[in-house]
N, C-alpha and C. Protein backbone atom coordinates (compact mmCIF):
# COMPACT_ATOMS: atom_id res chain seq x y z
N MET A 1 42.17 -36.72 -11.04
CA MET A 1 42.14 -35.24 -10.60
C MET A 1 40.75 -35.08 -9.94
N SER A 2 40.72 -34.36 -8.67
CA SER A 2 39.38 -34.22 -8.06
C SER A 2 38.83 -33.10 -8.59
N ASP A 3 37.48 -33.16 -8.61
CA ASP A 3 36.67 -31.95 -9.09
C ASP A 3 36.63 -30.90 -7.88
N ILE A 4 37.06 -29.71 -7.96
CA ILE A 4 37.12 -28.66 -7.01
C ILE A 4 36.36 -27.54 -7.64
N ARG A 5 35.21 -27.12 -7.01
CA ARG A 5 34.51 -26.01 -7.43
C ARG A 5 34.86 -24.80 -6.88
N ASP A 6 34.97 -23.70 -7.63
CA ASP A 6 35.55 -22.29 -7.31
C ASP A 6 34.49 -21.59 -6.50
N ASP A 7 33.18 -21.96 -6.62
CA ASP A 7 32.11 -21.23 -5.91
C ASP A 7 32.08 -21.68 -4.45
N ARG A 8 32.86 -22.51 -3.91
CA ARG A 8 32.70 -22.98 -2.46
C ARG A 8 34.02 -22.76 -1.87
N GLN A 9 33.85 -22.85 -0.43
CA GLN A 9 35.09 -22.97 0.27
C GLN A 9 35.24 -24.35 0.93
N TYR A 10 36.53 -24.65 1.39
CA TYR A 10 36.74 -25.91 1.75
C TYR A 10 37.42 -25.95 3.24
N THR A 11 37.36 -27.11 3.90
CA THR A 11 37.84 -27.29 5.22
C THR A 11 39.13 -28.16 4.96
N LYS A 12 40.00 -28.30 6.10
CA LYS A 12 41.10 -29.23 5.92
C LYS A 12 40.59 -30.72 6.14
N SER A 13 39.46 -30.83 6.67
CA SER A 13 38.86 -32.25 6.71
C SER A 13 38.03 -32.66 5.69
N HIS A 14 38.21 -31.93 4.55
CA HIS A 14 37.50 -32.11 3.11
C HIS A 14 36.10 -32.13 3.01
N GLU A 15 35.42 -31.00 3.70
CA GLU A 15 34.23 -30.76 3.64
C GLU A 15 34.09 -29.50 2.75
N TRP A 16 33.16 -29.22 1.96
CA TRP A 16 32.85 -28.04 1.19
C TRP A 16 31.67 -27.19 1.87
N ILE A 17 31.76 -25.93 1.74
CA ILE A 17 30.84 -25.06 2.26
C ILE A 17 30.45 -23.97 1.12
N LEU A 18 29.13 -23.77 0.84
CA LEU A 18 28.49 -23.00 0.03
C LEU A 18 27.63 -21.94 0.66
N ASP A 19 27.98 -20.64 0.62
CA ASP A 19 27.35 -19.52 1.16
C ASP A 19 26.10 -19.32 0.31
N ASN A 20 24.82 -19.66 0.79
CA ASN A 20 23.70 -19.50 0.00
C ASN A 20 23.15 -17.98 -0.08
N GLY A 21 23.89 -17.01 0.60
CA GLY A 21 23.47 -15.63 0.48
C GLY A 21 22.37 -15.17 1.32
N ASP A 22 21.85 -16.05 2.11
CA ASP A 22 20.62 -15.69 2.85
C ASP A 22 20.84 -15.76 4.28
N GLY A 23 21.99 -16.02 4.69
CA GLY A 23 22.45 -16.38 6.16
C GLY A 23 22.51 -17.71 6.42
N THR A 24 22.33 -18.66 5.41
CA THR A 24 22.57 -20.03 5.52
C THR A 24 23.54 -20.57 4.52
N TYR A 25 24.19 -21.83 4.90
CA TYR A 25 25.21 -22.42 4.22
C TYR A 25 24.84 -23.75 3.84
N THR A 26 25.10 -24.19 2.66
CA THR A 26 25.04 -25.82 2.44
C THR A 26 26.45 -26.48 2.58
N MET A 27 26.43 -27.62 3.06
CA MET A 27 27.70 -28.36 3.18
C MET A 27 27.51 -29.83 2.88
N GLY A 28 28.70 -30.19 2.25
CA GLY A 28 28.92 -31.61 1.88
C GLY A 28 30.31 -32.05 1.97
N ILE A 29 30.64 -33.33 1.49
CA ILE A 29 32.07 -33.70 1.54
C ILE A 29 32.54 -33.59 0.13
N THR A 30 33.84 -33.40 -0.10
CA THR A 30 34.44 -32.95 -1.31
C THR A 30 34.36 -34.30 -2.22
N ASP A 31 34.74 -33.98 -3.54
CA ASP A 31 34.89 -35.04 -4.52
C ASP A 31 36.14 -35.98 -3.98
N HIS A 32 37.17 -35.27 -3.57
CA HIS A 32 38.36 -36.02 -3.10
C HIS A 32 37.91 -37.08 -1.95
N ALA A 33 37.16 -36.49 -1.01
CA ALA A 33 36.92 -37.37 0.14
C ALA A 33 36.09 -38.54 -0.26
N GLN A 34 34.94 -38.23 -1.08
CA GLN A 34 34.07 -39.39 -1.60
C GLN A 34 34.75 -40.39 -2.45
N ALA A 35 35.77 -39.91 -3.17
CA ALA A 35 36.58 -40.91 -3.90
C ALA A 35 37.32 -41.93 -3.16
N LEU A 36 37.94 -41.36 -1.99
CA LEU A 36 38.75 -42.03 -1.18
C LEU A 36 37.92 -43.07 -0.40
N LEU A 37 36.84 -42.62 0.06
CA LEU A 37 35.93 -43.43 0.95
C LEU A 37 35.25 -44.64 0.07
N GLY A 38 34.98 -44.31 -1.17
CA GLY A 38 34.39 -45.40 -2.05
C GLY A 38 32.80 -45.22 -1.97
N ASP A 39 32.21 -46.42 -2.38
CA ASP A 39 30.66 -46.36 -2.52
C ASP A 39 29.90 -46.23 -1.23
N MET A 40 29.18 -45.13 -1.14
CA MET A 40 28.41 -44.95 0.18
C MET A 40 27.31 -45.86 0.32
N VAL A 41 27.15 -46.21 1.63
CA VAL A 41 26.04 -47.22 1.98
C VAL A 41 25.14 -46.65 2.96
N PHE A 42 25.50 -45.65 3.73
CA PHE A 42 24.78 -45.01 4.66
C PHE A 42 25.09 -43.67 5.04
N VAL A 43 24.19 -42.86 5.28
CA VAL A 43 24.68 -41.52 5.82
C VAL A 43 23.76 -41.25 7.01
N GLU A 44 24.46 -40.88 8.18
CA GLU A 44 23.73 -40.51 9.34
C GLU A 44 23.78 -38.98 9.63
N LEU A 45 22.66 -38.28 9.35
CA LEU A 45 22.50 -36.80 9.31
C LEU A 45 21.90 -36.34 10.65
N PRO A 46 22.21 -35.20 11.08
CA PRO A 46 21.61 -34.56 12.22
C PRO A 46 20.09 -34.11 11.92
N SER A 47 19.50 -33.91 12.95
CA SER A 47 18.09 -33.36 12.67
C SER A 47 18.08 -31.87 12.63
N GLU A 48 16.95 -31.42 11.91
CA GLU A 48 16.74 -29.81 12.08
C GLU A 48 16.61 -29.37 13.38
N GLY A 49 17.41 -28.36 13.59
CA GLY A 49 17.35 -27.66 14.92
C GLY A 49 18.65 -28.17 15.79
N ASP A 50 19.24 -29.21 15.40
CA ASP A 50 20.53 -29.72 16.11
C ASP A 50 21.48 -28.64 16.11
N GLU A 51 22.11 -28.39 17.19
CA GLU A 51 23.35 -27.37 17.25
C GLU A 51 24.65 -28.09 17.56
N THR A 52 25.64 -27.61 17.03
CA THR A 52 27.02 -28.39 17.47
C THR A 52 28.02 -27.13 17.39
N SER A 53 29.23 -27.64 18.00
CA SER A 53 30.27 -26.62 17.98
C SER A 53 31.30 -26.77 17.14
N THR A 54 32.19 -25.87 16.65
CA THR A 54 33.20 -25.91 15.81
C THR A 54 34.12 -27.27 15.99
N GLU A 55 34.20 -27.90 14.80
CA GLU A 55 35.26 -29.13 14.77
C GLU A 55 34.71 -30.37 15.65
N ASP A 56 33.38 -30.26 15.92
CA ASP A 56 32.70 -31.57 16.58
C ASP A 56 32.17 -32.39 15.34
N GLU A 57 32.17 -33.68 15.56
CA GLU A 57 31.52 -34.53 14.49
C GLU A 57 30.15 -34.36 14.74
N PHE A 58 29.30 -34.16 13.58
CA PHE A 58 27.89 -34.19 13.67
C PHE A 58 27.20 -34.85 12.51
N CYS A 59 27.84 -35.53 11.62
CA CYS A 59 27.35 -36.48 10.58
C CYS A 59 28.43 -37.57 10.44
N VAL A 60 27.86 -38.74 9.90
CA VAL A 60 28.71 -39.72 9.66
C VAL A 60 28.41 -40.32 8.28
N VAL A 61 29.39 -40.42 7.44
CA VAL A 61 29.14 -41.02 6.06
C VAL A 61 29.86 -42.50 6.16
N GLU A 62 29.02 -43.52 5.72
CA GLU A 62 29.57 -44.75 5.71
C GLU A 62 29.66 -45.43 4.34
N SER A 63 30.88 -45.99 3.97
CA SER A 63 30.94 -46.46 2.68
C SER A 63 31.35 -47.95 2.84
N VAL A 64 31.59 -48.59 1.77
CA VAL A 64 31.85 -50.10 1.82
C VAL A 64 33.42 -50.29 2.43
N LYS A 65 34.12 -49.18 2.27
CA LYS A 65 35.44 -49.22 2.98
C LYS A 65 35.49 -48.79 4.46
N ALA A 66 34.66 -47.65 4.91
CA ALA A 66 34.98 -47.14 6.20
C ALA A 66 33.77 -46.22 6.61
N ALA A 67 33.68 -45.95 7.77
CA ALA A 67 32.69 -44.77 8.29
C ALA A 67 33.75 -43.76 8.62
N SER A 68 33.17 -42.43 8.21
CA SER A 68 33.96 -41.22 8.57
C SER A 68 33.19 -40.20 8.98
N GLY A 69 33.70 -39.43 10.06
CA GLY A 69 32.95 -38.41 10.66
C GLY A 69 32.90 -37.17 9.64
N VAL A 70 31.98 -36.37 9.80
CA VAL A 70 31.95 -35.05 9.23
C VAL A 70 31.89 -34.03 10.09
N TYR A 71 32.70 -32.92 9.99
CA TYR A 71 33.08 -32.05 11.18
C TYR A 71 32.35 -30.74 10.95
N ALA A 72 31.99 -29.99 12.02
CA ALA A 72 31.38 -28.73 11.89
C ALA A 72 32.49 -27.73 11.63
N PRO A 73 32.25 -26.88 10.65
CA PRO A 73 33.23 -25.70 10.37
C PRO A 73 33.16 -24.65 11.21
N ALA A 74 31.97 -24.55 11.97
CA ALA A 74 31.76 -23.38 12.89
C ALA A 74 30.76 -23.95 14.05
N ASP A 75 30.52 -23.03 14.97
CA ASP A 75 29.26 -23.19 15.64
C ASP A 75 28.19 -23.03 14.76
N LEU A 76 27.26 -23.96 14.81
CA LEU A 76 26.06 -23.91 13.78
C LEU A 76 24.85 -24.45 14.36
N GLU A 77 23.73 -24.26 13.68
CA GLU A 77 22.37 -24.76 13.86
C GLU A 77 21.93 -25.38 12.53
N VAL A 78 21.50 -26.76 12.48
CA VAL A 78 21.07 -27.38 11.28
C VAL A 78 19.79 -26.79 10.94
N VAL A 79 19.66 -26.41 9.65
CA VAL A 79 18.14 -25.80 9.29
C VAL A 79 17.51 -26.92 8.38
N GLU A 80 18.39 -27.90 7.75
CA GLU A 80 17.76 -28.96 6.86
C GLU A 80 18.84 -29.86 6.67
N ALA A 81 18.41 -31.26 6.72
CA ALA A 81 19.32 -32.21 6.40
C ALA A 81 18.65 -32.80 5.06
N ASN A 82 19.61 -33.31 4.13
CA ASN A 82 19.19 -33.99 2.80
C ASN A 82 18.66 -35.34 3.02
N GLU A 83 17.33 -35.40 3.21
CA GLU A 83 16.59 -36.61 3.40
C GLU A 83 16.66 -37.44 2.33
N ALA A 84 17.01 -37.01 1.06
CA ALA A 84 17.16 -38.01 -0.12
C ALA A 84 18.26 -38.92 0.13
N LEU A 85 19.20 -38.59 1.04
CA LEU A 85 20.33 -39.49 1.26
C LEU A 85 19.91 -40.77 2.01
N ASP A 86 18.75 -40.71 2.74
CA ASP A 86 18.18 -41.95 3.34
C ASP A 86 17.98 -43.01 2.47
N ALA A 87 17.34 -42.71 1.33
CA ALA A 87 17.14 -43.74 0.47
C ALA A 87 18.20 -43.98 -0.68
N GLU A 88 19.05 -42.81 -0.82
CA GLU A 88 20.17 -42.94 -1.95
C GLU A 88 21.32 -42.36 -1.40
N PRO A 89 21.97 -42.94 -0.50
CA PRO A 89 23.36 -42.41 -0.02
C PRO A 89 24.34 -42.37 -1.07
N GLU A 90 24.13 -43.21 -2.12
CA GLU A 90 25.12 -43.09 -3.29
C GLU A 90 25.21 -41.68 -3.94
N LEU A 91 24.29 -40.73 -3.72
CA LEU A 91 24.24 -39.51 -4.22
C LEU A 91 25.50 -38.61 -3.80
N VAL A 92 26.01 -39.06 -2.68
CA VAL A 92 27.24 -38.46 -2.32
C VAL A 92 28.37 -38.78 -3.27
N ASN A 93 28.25 -39.93 -3.83
CA ASN A 93 29.32 -40.32 -4.77
C ASN A 93 29.16 -39.72 -6.10
N THR A 94 27.86 -39.68 -6.68
CA THR A 94 27.55 -39.27 -8.03
C THR A 94 27.35 -37.91 -8.11
N SER A 95 27.05 -37.08 -7.11
CA SER A 95 26.65 -35.72 -7.10
C SER A 95 27.06 -35.04 -5.96
N CYS A 96 28.25 -35.21 -5.54
CA CYS A 96 28.74 -34.58 -4.05
C CYS A 96 28.44 -33.21 -3.97
N TYR A 97 28.45 -32.47 -4.95
CA TYR A 97 28.35 -30.93 -4.85
C TYR A 97 26.95 -30.45 -5.34
N ASP A 98 26.15 -31.39 -5.54
CA ASP A 98 24.65 -31.02 -6.04
C ASP A 98 23.64 -31.74 -5.23
N LYS A 99 23.21 -32.86 -5.79
CA LYS A 99 22.09 -33.56 -5.16
C LYS A 99 22.66 -34.43 -3.81
N GLY A 100 24.02 -34.44 -3.64
CA GLY A 100 24.65 -35.22 -2.57
C GLY A 100 25.00 -34.34 -1.35
N TRP A 101 24.49 -33.23 -1.40
CA TRP A 101 24.76 -32.34 -0.14
C TRP A 101 24.32 -32.94 1.19
N LEU A 102 24.93 -32.60 2.32
CA LEU A 102 24.52 -33.20 3.53
C LEU A 102 23.57 -32.39 4.34
N VAL A 103 23.96 -31.16 4.71
CA VAL A 103 23.17 -30.33 5.53
C VAL A 103 23.10 -28.89 5.23
N LYS A 104 22.14 -28.17 5.48
CA LYS A 104 22.11 -26.74 5.42
C LYS A 104 22.10 -26.23 6.75
N PHE A 105 22.79 -25.11 7.17
CA PHE A 105 22.89 -24.64 8.47
C PHE A 105 22.98 -23.13 8.56
N LYS A 106 22.79 -22.64 9.79
CA LYS A 106 23.08 -21.24 9.79
C LYS A 106 24.25 -21.01 10.91
N SER A 107 25.02 -19.93 10.94
CA SER A 107 26.08 -19.83 11.72
C SER A 107 26.41 -18.29 11.79
N GLU A 108 26.96 -17.93 12.92
CA GLU A 108 27.42 -16.49 13.10
C GLU A 108 28.68 -16.09 12.40
N GLY A 109 29.32 -17.18 11.79
CA GLY A 109 30.59 -16.94 11.20
C GLY A 109 31.50 -18.23 10.98
N ILE A 110 32.23 -18.34 9.97
CA ILE A 110 33.02 -19.46 9.73
C ILE A 110 34.44 -18.93 9.47
N ASN A 111 35.42 -19.58 10.09
CA ASN A 111 36.92 -19.18 9.92
C ASN A 111 37.57 -20.36 9.41
N ASP A 112 38.75 -20.09 8.92
CA ASP A 112 39.73 -20.93 8.59
C ASP A 112 39.25 -21.88 7.33
N LEU A 113 38.60 -21.32 6.51
CA LEU A 113 38.17 -21.95 5.32
C LEU A 113 39.16 -21.66 4.24
N MET A 114 39.29 -22.62 3.18
CA MET A 114 40.18 -22.49 2.11
C MET A 114 39.41 -22.12 0.77
N ASP A 115 40.07 -21.42 -0.22
CA ASP A 115 39.41 -21.27 -1.31
C ASP A 115 39.89 -22.43 -2.16
N ALA A 116 39.18 -22.46 -3.36
CA ALA A 116 39.52 -23.66 -4.29
C ALA A 116 40.90 -23.96 -4.54
N THR A 117 41.68 -22.97 -4.71
CA THR A 117 43.05 -22.94 -5.21
C THR A 117 43.96 -23.44 -4.05
N THR A 118 43.75 -22.95 -2.85
CA THR A 118 44.43 -23.38 -1.77
C THR A 118 44.08 -24.89 -1.31
N TYR A 119 42.71 -25.19 -1.43
CA TYR A 119 42.42 -26.51 -1.13
C TYR A 119 43.11 -27.54 -2.18
N SER A 120 43.03 -27.16 -3.38
CA SER A 120 43.68 -28.10 -4.40
C SER A 120 45.22 -28.35 -4.11
N GLU A 121 45.85 -27.31 -3.54
CA GLU A 121 47.24 -27.41 -3.22
C GLU A 121 47.47 -28.35 -2.17
N THR A 122 46.58 -28.46 -1.24
CA THR A 122 46.65 -29.40 0.04
C THR A 122 46.56 -31.01 -0.50
N LEU A 123 46.05 -31.16 -1.65
CA LEU A 123 45.89 -32.45 -2.23
C LEU A 123 46.99 -33.07 -3.01
N ASP A 124 47.95 -32.13 -3.52
CA ASP A 124 49.03 -32.51 -4.21
C ASP A 124 50.12 -33.27 -3.28
């Protein structure tokens, strides 16, 4: 059973979004996604100030099994990338909701997110 946190929202492509309450959001991949991918060996992150559009790939997580794109849940601007992942990409596996976050961003609004209950139903 995947760990799904109630304090976050989720995308259909298995990213989680946490509203930081200050106009920024933190984003990573879900426990379900990291488990399917396996042991992370590399994370390609965007740079601070990078902008992207809804549903565009803007990060790549690479595991021993495959490389997988991470998609923007909205039009956004990156305000911080998790530089700890450069040296320790395995944080995505061991702490996907805490130390293994990918980016912090700001956005005018995010649509089509699921709450924890709805997301868990998509995994059944």
